[in-house]
Protein backbone atom coordinates (compact mmCIF):
# COMPACT_ATOMS: atom_id res chain seq x y z
CA UNK A 1 2.95 0.89 -11.87
CA UNK A 2 4.62 -1.93 -13.75
CA UNK A 3 4.12 -5.60 -13.09
CA UNK A 4 7.79 -5.93 -12.15
CA UNK A 5 7.56 -3.13 -9.58
CA UNK A 6 4.40 -4.59 -8.03
CA UNK A 7 5.83 -8.10 -7.77
CA UNK A 8 9.06 -6.72 -6.28
CA UNK A 9 7.23 -4.89 -3.46
CA UNK A 10 4.83 -7.80 -2.98
CA UNK A 11 7.80 -10.15 -2.60
CA UNK A 12 9.12 -8.02 0.27
CA UNK A 13 5.71 -8.13 1.94
CA UNK A 14 5.38 -11.90 1.49
CA UNK A 15 8.80 -12.62 2.98
CA UNK A 16 7.93 -10.55 6.02
CA UNK A 17 4.97 -12.89 6.47
CA UNK A 18 7.27 -15.93 6.18
CA UNK A 19 5.95 -16.79 2.71
CA UNK A 20 8.33 -17.50 -0.16
CA UNK A 21 7.78 -15.83 -3.55
CA UNK A 22 9.22 -17.78 -6.46
CA UNK A 23 10.40 -16.49 -9.88
CA UNK A 24 7.63 -15.18 -12.12
CA UNK A 25 6.34 -17.89 -14.46
CA UNK A 26 5.95 -17.67 -18.25
CA UNK A 27 2.25 -16.85 -17.92
CA UNK A 28 3.15 -13.74 -15.89
CA UNK A 29 1.99 -15.05 -12.51
CA UNK A 30 3.95 -14.89 -9.25
CA UNK A 31 4.01 -18.28 -7.47
CA UNK A 32 4.00 -18.28 -3.67
CA UNK A 33 5.54 -21.20 -1.82
CA UNK A 34 4.38 -22.34 1.60
CA UNK A 35 5.37 -25.43 3.55
CA UNK A 36 7.49 -26.66 0.65
CA UNK A 37 4.74 -26.47 -1.99
CA UNK A 38 3.27 -23.84 -4.31
CA UNK A 39 0.28 -22.52 -2.38
CA UNK A 40 -1.07 -20.06 -4.96
CA UNK A 41 -0.22 -17.63 -7.74
CA UNK A 42 -0.75 -13.85 -7.82
CA UNK A 43 -1.65 -11.84 -10.90
CA UNK A 44 -0.28 -8.37 -11.67
CA UNK A 45 -3.63 -6.90 -10.54
CA UNK A 46 -3.51 -8.55 -7.11
CA UNK A 47 -5.86 -11.48 -7.77
CA UNK A 48 -4.89 -14.74 -6.05
CA UNK A 49 -5.38 -18.02 -7.93
CA UNK A 50 -5.21 -21.38 -6.20
CA UNK A 51 -6.41 -24.96 -6.37
CA UNK A 52 -8.98 -25.56 -3.59
CA UNK A 53 -7.75 -29.14 -3.20
CA UNK A 54 -4.38 -27.76 -2.08
CA UNK A 55 -5.89 -25.54 0.60
CA UNK A 56 -7.55 -28.17 2.77
CA UNK A 57 -6.26 -27.34 6.27
CA UNK A 58 -6.73 -24.43 8.64
CA UNK A 59 -3.02 -23.58 8.43
CA UNK A 60 -3.09 -23.55 4.62
CA UNK A 61 -6.20 -21.35 4.65
CA UNK A 62 -4.50 -18.96 7.08
CA UNK A 63 -1.44 -18.78 4.81
CA UNK A 64 -3.66 -18.11 1.79
CA UNK A 65 -5.40 -15.31 3.71
CA UNK A 66 -1.96 -13.78 4.37
CA UNK A 67 -1.19 -13.82 0.64
CA UNK A 68 -4.52 -12.18 -0.19
CA UNK A 69 -4.02 -9.50 2.45
CA UNK A 70 -0.49 -8.75 1.23
CA UNK A 71 -1.51 -8.68 -2.45
CA UNK A 72 -4.38 -6.26 -1.78
CA UNK A 73 -2.44 -4.01 0.58
CA UNK A 74 0.60 -3.64 -1.68
CA UNK A 75 -1.60 -2.94 -4.71
CA UNK A 76 -3.49 -0.29 -2.73
CA UNK A 77 -0.51 1.66 -1.48
CA UNK A 78 1.46 1.41 -4.71
CA UNK A 79 -1.53 2.79 -6.63
CA UNK A 80 -1.85 5.63 -4.12
CA UNK A 81 1.87 6.42 -4.13
CA UNK A 82 1.88 6.63 -7.91
CA UNK A 83 -0.84 9.29 -7.94
CA UNK A 84 -0.08 11.11 -4.65
CA UNK A 85 1.45 14.63 -4.68
CA UNK A 86 4.97 15.17 -3.30
CA UNK A 87 5.30 16.20 0.33
CA UNK A 88 6.95 19.61 0.48
CA UNK A 89 8.52 20.42 3.84
CA UNK A 90 11.62 22.27 4.94
CA UNK A 91 14.53 19.97 5.77
CA UNK A 92 12.79 16.87 4.43
CA UNK A 93 14.43 14.69 1.80
CA UNK A 94 12.65 14.37 -1.52
CA UNK A 95 10.67 11.26 -2.35
CA UNK A 96 7.85 11.34 0.20
CA UNK A 97 4.32 11.60 -1.12
CA UNK A 98 1.19 12.68 0.74
CA UNK A 99 -1.27 9.80 1.09
CA UNK A 100 -3.61 11.57 3.50
CA UNK A 101 -3.76 14.74 5.61
CA UNK A 102 -6.16 15.85 8.30
CA UNK A 103 -6.11 18.17 11.28
CA UNK A 104 -2.41 18.98 10.97
CA UNK A 105 -1.32 15.33 10.65
CA UNK A 106 0.21 13.88 7.49
CA UNK A 107 0.42 10.29 6.31
CA UNK A 108 3.21 9.98 3.75
CA UNK A 109 5.00 7.19 1.95
CA UNK A 110 8.08 6.58 -0.14
CA UNK A 111 9.66 3.67 -1.95
CA UNK A 112 13.07 2.43 -0.77
CA UNK A 113 15.42 -0.34 -1.84
CA UNK A 114 14.01 -2.49 0.97
CA UNK A 115 10.34 -1.82 0.29
CA UNK A 116 7.86 0.93 1.02
CA UNK A 117 8.23 3.14 4.09
CA UNK A 118 5.33 5.02 5.65
CA UNK A 119 5.47 7.90 8.12
CA UNK A 120 3.00 9.99 10.08
CA UNK A 121 4.09 13.54 10.87
CA UNK A 122 2.67 16.57 12.62
CA UNK A 123 2.73 19.80 10.62
CA UNK A 124 4.63 22.75 12.09
CA UNK A 125 2.51 25.67 13.23
CA UNK A 126 3.42 27.58 10.06
CA UNK A 127 2.96 24.45 7.89
CA UNK A 128 6.43 24.83 6.42
CA UNK A 129 7.87 21.73 8.02
CA UNK A 130 6.94 18.47 9.74
CA UNK A 131 8.05 16.93 13.01
CA UNK A 132 7.65 14.01 15.42
CA UNK A 133 7.66 11.30 12.75
CA UNK A 134 6.41 7.79 13.44
CA UNK A 135 8.04 5.42 10.93
CA UNK A 136 6.60 2.17 9.57
CA UNK A 137 8.68 -0.01 7.27
CA UNK A 138 6.37 -2.06 5.02
CA UNK A 139 3.58 -1.64 7.60
CA UNK A 140 0.91 0.30 5.74
CA UNK A 141 -1.89 -0.85 8.05
CA UNK A 142 0.01 0.24 11.15
CA UNK A 143 0.71 3.64 9.60
CA UNK A 144 -2.95 4.13 8.71
CA UNK A 145 -4.04 3.26 12.24
CA UNK A 146 -1.48 5.66 13.70
CA UNK A 147 -2.66 8.41 11.34
CA UNK A 148 -6.29 7.87 12.34
CA UNK A 149 -5.40 8.26 16.03
CA UNK A 150 -2.93 11.14 15.70
CA UNK A 151 -5.24 13.16 13.45
CA UNK A 152 -8.29 12.61 15.65
CA UNK A 153 -10.26 10.74 12.98
CA UNK A 154 -10.64 7.96 15.57
CA UNK A 155 -10.88 8.79 19.27
CA UNK A 156 -8.18 7.06 21.31
CA UNK A 157 -10.67 5.99 23.98
CA UNK A 158 -12.47 3.94 21.32
CA UNK A 159 -9.37 1.84 20.68
CA UNK A 160 -8.02 -0.89 22.94
CA UNK A 161 -4.25 -1.32 23.06
CA UNK A 162 -2.50 -4.69 23.32
CA UNK A 163 -2.35 -4.64 27.12
CA UNK A 164 -6.06 -3.90 27.37
CA UNK A 165 -6.92 -6.67 24.93
CA UNK A 166 -4.88 -9.12 27.01
CA UNK A 167 -6.79 -8.06 30.13
CA UNK A 168 -10.10 -8.58 28.30
CA UNK A 169 -8.97 -11.99 27.10
CA UNK A 170 -8.06 -13.11 30.61
CA UNK A 171 -11.33 -11.77 32.00
CA UNK A 172 -13.43 -13.58 29.38
CA UNK A 173 -11.50 -16.81 29.87
CA UNK A 174 -12.06 -16.55 33.62
CA UNK A 175 -15.77 -15.94 33.07
CA UNK A 176 -16.08 -19.00 30.83
CA UNK A 177 -14.34 -21.13 33.46
CA UNK A 178 -16.57 -19.75 36.18
CA UNK A 179 -13.68 -18.12 38.01
CA UNK A 180 -13.42 -14.67 39.51
CA UNK A 181 -10.62 -12.14 38.95
CA UNK A 182 -7.16 -13.64 39.43
CA UNK A 183 -6.04 -10.65 41.52
CA UNK A 184 -7.14 -7.27 42.80
CA UNK A 185 -5.08 -5.67 40.04
CA UNK A 186 -6.93 -7.66 37.38
CA UNK A 187 -10.29 -6.73 38.89
CA UNK A 188 -9.26 -3.06 38.92
CA UNK A 189 -8.16 -3.22 35.28
CA UNK A 190 -11.38 -4.97 34.26
CA UNK A 191 -13.47 -2.31 35.97
CA UNK A 192 -11.54 0.41 34.09
CA UNK A 193 -12.12 -1.43 30.82
CA UNK A 194 -15.82 -1.74 31.63
CA UNK A 195 -16.03 2.01 32.23
CA UNK A 196 -14.30 2.66 28.90
CA UNK A 197 -16.73 0.35 27.10
CA UNK A 198 -19.77 1.89 28.80
CA UNK A 199 -18.67 5.38 27.76
CA UNK A 200 -18.83 4.32 24.11
CA UNK A 201 -22.23 2.58 24.22
CA UNK A 202 -25.54 4.44 24.06
CA UNK A 203 -27.73 4.04 27.12
CA UNK A 204 -30.24 1.85 25.22
CA UNK A 205 -27.52 -0.64 24.27
CA UNK A 206 -26.20 -0.68 27.83
CA UNK A 207 -29.67 -1.51 29.17
CA UNK A 208 -30.06 -4.29 26.61
CA UNK A 209 -26.70 -5.82 27.58
CA UNK A 210 -27.59 -5.65 31.27
CA UNK A 211 -30.93 -7.40 30.64
CA UNK A 212 -29.22 -10.12 28.60
CA UNK A 213 -26.61 -10.57 31.33
CA UNK A 214 -29.37 -10.90 33.95
CA UNK A 215 -31.14 -13.58 31.89
CA UNK A 216 -27.83 -15.41 31.41
CA UNK A 217 -27.17 -15.46 35.17
CA UNK A 218 -30.64 -16.90 35.81
CA UNK A 219 -30.11 -19.67 33.28
CA UNK A 220 -26.72 -20.73 34.69
């Protein structure tokens, strides 16, 4: 992996995060602009250099965290793609490489003119081909999460989707304000979420949580 290739893919990732990569400087570092100023500089090995006096607000720190995440993620998948074996499957275009495989599910990636593309596929019963692809353009983290669920490495009931997280957020906010469920539907959804959580916790942890909840109610 050359420095030029890494900075090119990193630039795609930064722009998707609404950060502006600038031309590489004479010292070989990639400057990253945010809010009209140079926020930091990235080395060819993914290290992020910055002046702490420039990063003095929560928004600046959040932007810096985005740069660090992008620099590390791009370095990780480019290193893997360089060493990964080609994916051989009937009817599949060349260029895809196998990043991971488990239980008949494949996580593959390829480099395109617009950045890296990642796909999860199911192997055919005879393992000659792949099908039912889920495509992720420059979203390595999303592809990894999809692979973990599709392959069974992570049980789906252990993962909350966006709708469930929104229900939990509303329930917690209502609890902190001392309010009850906003509707019967919300109460029903919260009870389902509680059942899902209880199924994942050992009995000892459930008892501990119940005792702590009882003490909290007494103190309120």
